[in-house]
Amino acid sequence: MNQFTYTGTELELFSQAINWKKYIKHLLSEYIKGDVLEVGAGIGSNTRLFCSCQYSNWLCLEPDKKLFQILEYFISSLNMTNYCAWNGSISLLNKNQFFNSIVYIDVLEHINNDKEELIQASQHLKPNGKLIILSPAHQWLFTSFDAAIGHYRRYNKQTLQAIIPPNIEVIKIAYLDCVGLLASIGNKLILKQSQPTLKQIKIWDKFMVTISRKLDPLFGYRFGKSILLIGKNKIR
């Protein structure tokens, strides 16, 4: 990810998904604290989402130069304290930089060597530090939209856990957005759109996400179009 140009166009589109963002914040806020590393911060939508968490220092990494420029400008408007953004990947970190939380939100699927990426990330976690991953679920849902925005893959529980480093204990793994899963299947089989429209995003966010937030826990988080993993550094 050192020399990286982002090919997607969906960041602005999905930044309009207010209910989805609130759902993710509800699930992740307790794990994001202390010294935080956000990998692949994009245009800062998730930085803004979590900036009210109890963090001490926040470092954003964004390898794409154009996105990085937007990120810097956007975050400056939030007046965040103890915040820093670097244009690059996790390889820029020195060996003495450690974090309580390392966050990959819709990022890992863009990285070719995802296993090596997580090995490097795990080496920068403090004892009991949390590794947080949110990614698209189910390779059988892979479409031209995934390919167009630079996804190498989608994950299921088995394939995601297979790349988790041995020093990381998986404490939570779940599928999210069971209703959205049905919409994704419909697009895969019937609509075959290369990218959703803003209207479709707003309908999904207003209705489907709201229903999924109620149904996901009832179904035991066994179904969904996204997958969430929380890992803990076992080194004490």
Protein backbone atom coordinates (compact mmCIF):
# COMPACT_ATOMS: atom_id res chain seq x y z
CA MET A 1 0.00 0.00 0.00
CA ASN A 2 3.00 2.34 -0.15
CA GLN A 3 2.37 3.23 -3.79
CA PHE A 4 -1.40 3.23 -3.88
CA THR A 5 -4.05 4.94 -5.95
CA TYR A 6 -7.63 4.43 -4.85
CA THR A 7 -9.89 3.55 -7.78
CA GLY A 8 -13.25 3.61 -6.02
CA THR A 9 -15.91 6.29 -6.17
CA GLU A 10 -18.17 5.08 -3.38
CA LEU A 11 -16.71 6.87 -0.34
CA GLU A 12 -18.85 9.97 -0.74
CA LEU A 13 -21.85 7.82 -1.57
CA PHE A 14 -21.65 5.67 1.56
CA SER A 15 -20.80 8.66 3.75
CA GLN A 16 -24.54 9.41 3.42
CA ALA A 17 -25.42 6.15 5.23
CA ILE A 18 -26.15 7.79 8.58
CA ASN A 19 -27.97 4.88 10.23
CA TRP A 20 -25.30 2.41 9.15
CA LYS A 21 -22.63 4.63 10.66
CA LYS A 22 -24.60 4.87 13.91
CA TYR A 23 -24.97 1.09 14.00
CA ILE A 24 -21.23 0.59 13.54
CA LYS A 25 -20.47 3.18 16.22
CA HIS A 26 -22.82 1.40 18.62
CA LEU A 27 -20.97 -1.88 18.09
CA LEU A 28 -17.39 -0.60 18.09
CA SER A 29 -17.12 2.37 20.44
CA GLU A 30 -16.28 0.29 23.51
CA TYR A 31 -13.22 -1.14 21.73
CA ILE A 32 -11.85 2.16 20.41
CA LYS A 33 -9.94 3.93 23.15
CA GLY A 34 -6.49 5.08 24.20
CA ASP A 35 -3.95 5.36 21.41
CA VAL A 36 -5.79 4.63 18.14
CA LEU A 37 -4.49 3.76 14.69
CA GLU A 38 -6.99 4.02 11.83
CA VAL A 39 -5.64 2.33 8.71
CA GLY A 40 -7.00 3.50 5.36
CA ALA A 41 -8.87 6.49 6.75
CA GLY A 42 -10.11 7.57 3.32
CA ILE A 43 -11.92 10.93 3.44
CA GLY A 44 -12.36 10.84 7.22
CA SER A 45 -15.96 9.67 7.53
CA ASN A 46 -15.12 7.06 10.15
CA THR A 47 -12.67 9.35 11.91
CA ARG A 48 -15.51 11.80 12.43
CA LEU A 49 -17.78 8.97 13.55
CA PHE A 50 -15.48 7.84 16.34
CA CYS A 51 -13.85 11.11 17.36
CA SER A 52 -16.09 11.26 20.44
CA CYS A 53 -14.59 8.00 21.76
CA GLN A 54 -12.26 8.09 24.75
CA TYR A 55 -9.04 8.22 22.76
CA SER A 56 -5.72 9.68 23.88
CA ASN A 57 -4.00 10.00 20.50
CA TRP A 58 -5.35 9.28 17.02
CA LEU A 59 -3.20 8.46 14.00
CA CYS A 60 -4.77 8.12 10.55
CA LEU A 61 -2.97 6.36 7.72
CA GLU A 62 -4.14 6.95 4.16
CA PRO A 63 -1.95 5.79 1.24
CA ASP A 64 -3.79 7.56 -1.58
CA LYS A 65 -2.48 11.12 -2.04
CA LYS A 66 -5.76 12.66 -3.23
CA LEU A 67 -7.77 11.07 -0.43
CA PHE A 68 -5.12 12.15 2.05
CA GLN A 69 -5.50 15.78 1.03
CA ILE A 70 -9.26 15.56 1.55
CA LEU A 71 -8.70 13.79 4.86
CA GLU A 72 -6.40 16.48 6.21
CA TYR A 73 -8.76 19.27 5.24
CA PHE A 74 -11.82 17.47 6.55
CA ILE A 75 -10.33 16.49 9.91
CA SER A 76 -9.01 20.00 10.52
CA SER A 77 -12.63 21.17 10.53
CA LEU A 78 -13.39 18.83 13.45
CA ASN A 79 -10.83 20.50 15.72
CA MET A 80 -9.68 17.12 17.00
CA THR A 81 -6.93 17.22 19.62
CA ASN A 82 -3.94 14.86 19.62
CA TYR A 83 -4.63 13.92 16.03
CA CYS A 84 -2.14 13.17 13.26
CA ALA A 85 -2.50 11.95 9.66
CA TRP A 86 0.19 10.33 7.54
CA ASN A 87 0.16 9.69 3.81
CA GLY A 88 1.21 6.05 3.71
CA SER A 89 0.68 2.55 5.00
CA ILE A 90 1.43 0.64 8.18
CA SER A 91 5.01 0.08 7.04
CA LEU A 92 5.68 3.75 7.90
CA LEU A 93 5.39 3.03 11.61
CA ASN A 94 8.54 2.64 13.64
CA LYS A 95 8.98 -0.44 15.81
CA ASN A 96 8.34 1.53 19.01
CA GLN A 97 4.86 2.75 18.06
CA PHE A 98 2.10 0.85 19.85
CA PHE A 99 -1.66 1.30 20.00
CA ASN A 100 -4.60 0.27 22.15
CA SER A 101 -6.84 0.00 19.09
CA ILE A 102 -6.03 -0.63 15.42
CA VAL A 103 -9.00 -0.14 13.11
CA TYR A 104 -9.66 -1.43 9.58
CA ILE A 105 -13.12 -0.31 8.44
CA ASP A 106 -13.83 -1.43 4.87
CA VAL A 107 -10.10 -1.46 4.18
CA LEU A 108 -8.66 -4.96 4.47
CA GLU A 109 -10.41 -6.17 1.32
CA HIS A 110 -8.41 -3.55 -0.63
CA ILE A 111 -5.06 -4.98 0.48
CA ASN A 112 -3.54 -7.70 -1.68
CA ASN A 113 -1.43 -9.35 1.03
CA ASP A 114 -3.95 -9.10 3.83
CA LYS A 115 -2.27 -11.72 6.02
CA GLU A 116 1.07 -9.89 6.06
CA GLU A 117 -0.78 -6.62 6.72
CA LEU A 118 -2.36 -8.05 9.87
CA ILE A 119 0.93 -9.54 11.04
CA GLN A 120 2.46 -6.06 10.86
CA ALA A 121 -0.56 -4.54 12.61
CA SER A 122 -0.43 -7.08 15.43
CA GLN A 123 3.19 -6.12 16.11
CA HIS A 124 2.02 -2.59 16.95
CA LEU A 125 -0.68 -3.55 19.42
CA LYS A 126 -0.20 -2.92 23.10
CA PRO A 127 -0.86 -5.82 25.51
CA ASN A 128 -4.60 -6.54 25.40
CA GLY A 129 -4.89 -4.05 22.53
CA LYS A 130 -7.81 -4.53 20.13
CA LEU A 131 -7.71 -5.28 16.41
CA ILE A 132 -10.97 -4.19 14.76
CA ILE A 133 -11.93 -5.31 11.26
CA LEU A 134 -15.11 -4.58 9.31
CA SER A 135 -15.30 -5.87 5.73
CA PRO A 136 -17.75 -7.03 3.05
CA ALA A 137 -18.92 -10.60 3.62
CA HIS A 138 -19.23 -13.66 1.38
CA GLN A 139 -17.12 -14.20 -1.71
CA TRP A 140 -20.19 -15.53 -3.55
CA LEU A 141 -21.54 -11.96 -3.40
CA PHE A 142 -18.46 -10.60 -5.23
CA THR A 143 -19.62 -8.46 -8.16
CA SER A 144 -18.25 -6.05 -10.74
CA PHE A 145 -18.82 -3.32 -8.15
CA ASP A 146 -16.29 -5.00 -5.84
CA ALA A 147 -13.79 -5.25 -8.68
CA ALA A 148 -14.38 -1.65 -9.79
CA ILE A 149 -13.57 -0.22 -6.36
CA GLY A 150 -10.45 -2.31 -5.86
CA HIS A 151 -11.65 -5.20 -3.71
CA TYR A 152 -9.48 -8.28 -3.87
CA ARG A 153 -11.99 -10.40 -1.97
CA ARG A 154 -14.89 -10.63 0.44
CA TYR A 155 -14.64 -12.63 3.68
CA ASN A 156 -16.53 -15.22 5.64
CA LYS A 157 -15.77 -16.27 9.21
CA GLN A 158 -13.40 -19.01 8.13
CA THR A 159 -11.35 -17.00 5.62
CA LEU A 160 -11.07 -14.00 7.93
CA GLN A 161 -10.04 -16.01 10.97
CA ALA A 162 -7.49 -17.85 8.82
CA ILE A 163 -5.40 -14.68 8.37
CA ILE A 164 -5.50 -13.54 12.01
CA PRO A 165 -1.99 -13.68 13.54
CA PRO A 166 -1.40 -16.24 16.32
CA ASN A 167 -0.91 -13.56 18.99
CA ILE A 168 -4.46 -12.30 18.39
CA GLU A 169 -7.38 -13.92 20.21
CA VAL A 170 -10.69 -13.51 18.40
CA ILE A 171 -13.18 -12.29 20.99
CA LYS A 172 -16.03 -11.45 18.62
CA ILE A 173 -16.92 -12.32 15.06
CA ALA A 174 -20.32 -11.55 13.57
CA TYR A 175 -22.22 -10.94 10.37
CA LEU A 176 -24.11 -7.63 10.16
CA ASP A 177 -27.05 -6.34 8.12
CA CYS A 178 -29.19 -9.41 7.49
CA VAL A 179 -31.77 -7.41 5.51
CA GLY A 180 -29.05 -5.81 3.40
CA LEU A 181 -27.86 -9.33 2.61
CA LEU A 182 -31.15 -9.98 0.82
CA ALA A 183 -30.74 -6.77 -1.17
CA SER A 184 -27.20 -7.79 -2.16
CA ILE A 185 -28.44 -11.18 -3.32
CA GLY A 186 -31.13 -9.44 -5.37
CA ASN A 187 -28.55 -7.20 -7.01
CA LYS A 188 -26.25 -10.14 -7.68
CA LEU A 189 -28.94 -12.24 -9.32
CA ILE A 190 -31.35 -9.72 -10.83
CA LEU A 191 -30.31 -6.05 -11.00
CA LYS A 192 -26.59 -6.67 -11.59
CA GLN A 193 -25.76 -3.00 -11.02
CA SER A 194 -22.10 -2.00 -11.04
CA GLN A 195 -22.77 0.64 -8.34
CA PRO A 196 -25.78 1.60 -6.21
CA THR A 197 -27.42 4.97 -6.70
CA LEU A 198 -27.68 7.58 -3.95
CA LYS A 199 -31.43 6.91 -3.77
CA GLN A 200 -30.79 3.21 -3.24
CA ILE A 201 -28.22 3.95 -0.54
CA LYS A 202 -30.71 6.16 1.29
CA ILE A 203 -33.47 3.54 1.08
CA TRP A 204 -31.11 0.84 2.34
CA ASP A 205 -29.88 3.08 5.14
CA LYS A 206 -33.28 4.35 6.24
CA PHE A 207 -35.24 1.10 6.13
CA MET A 208 -33.02 -1.96 5.78
CA VAL A 209 -30.33 -0.96 8.26
CA THR A 210 -32.96 0.08 10.81
CA ILE A 211 -34.61 -3.35 10.57
CA SER A 212 -31.26 -5.19 10.50
CA ARG A 213 -30.18 -3.47 13.71
CA LYS A 214 -33.18 -5.09 15.43
CA LEU A 215 -33.00 -8.47 13.70
CA ASP A 216 -29.23 -9.09 13.71
CA PRO A 217 -29.04 -9.84 17.46
CA LEU A 218 -32.24 -11.93 17.29
CA PHE A 219 -30.59 -14.08 14.60
CA GLY A 220 -27.37 -14.28 16.63
CA TYR A 221 -25.44 -12.23 14.05
CA ARG A 222 -25.33 -15.32 11.80
CA PHE A 223 -26.40 -13.57 8.59
CA GLY A 224 -25.32 -10.34 6.90
CA LYS A 225 -23.55 -8.67 4.03
CA SER A 226 -20.75 -7.35 6.27
CA ILE A 227 -18.48 -9.15 8.69
CA LEU A 228 -17.06 -7.76 11.93
CA LEU A 229 -14.12 -9.19 13.85
CA ILE A 230 -12.71 -8.00 17.16
CA GLY A 231 -9.38 -9.47 18.24
CA LYS A 232 -7.30 -8.97 21.38
CA ASN A 233 -3.54 -9.09 21.67
CA LYS A 234 -2.86 -12.06 23.95
CA ILE A 235 0.58 -10.78 24.93
CA ARG A 236 0.43 -9.33 28.44
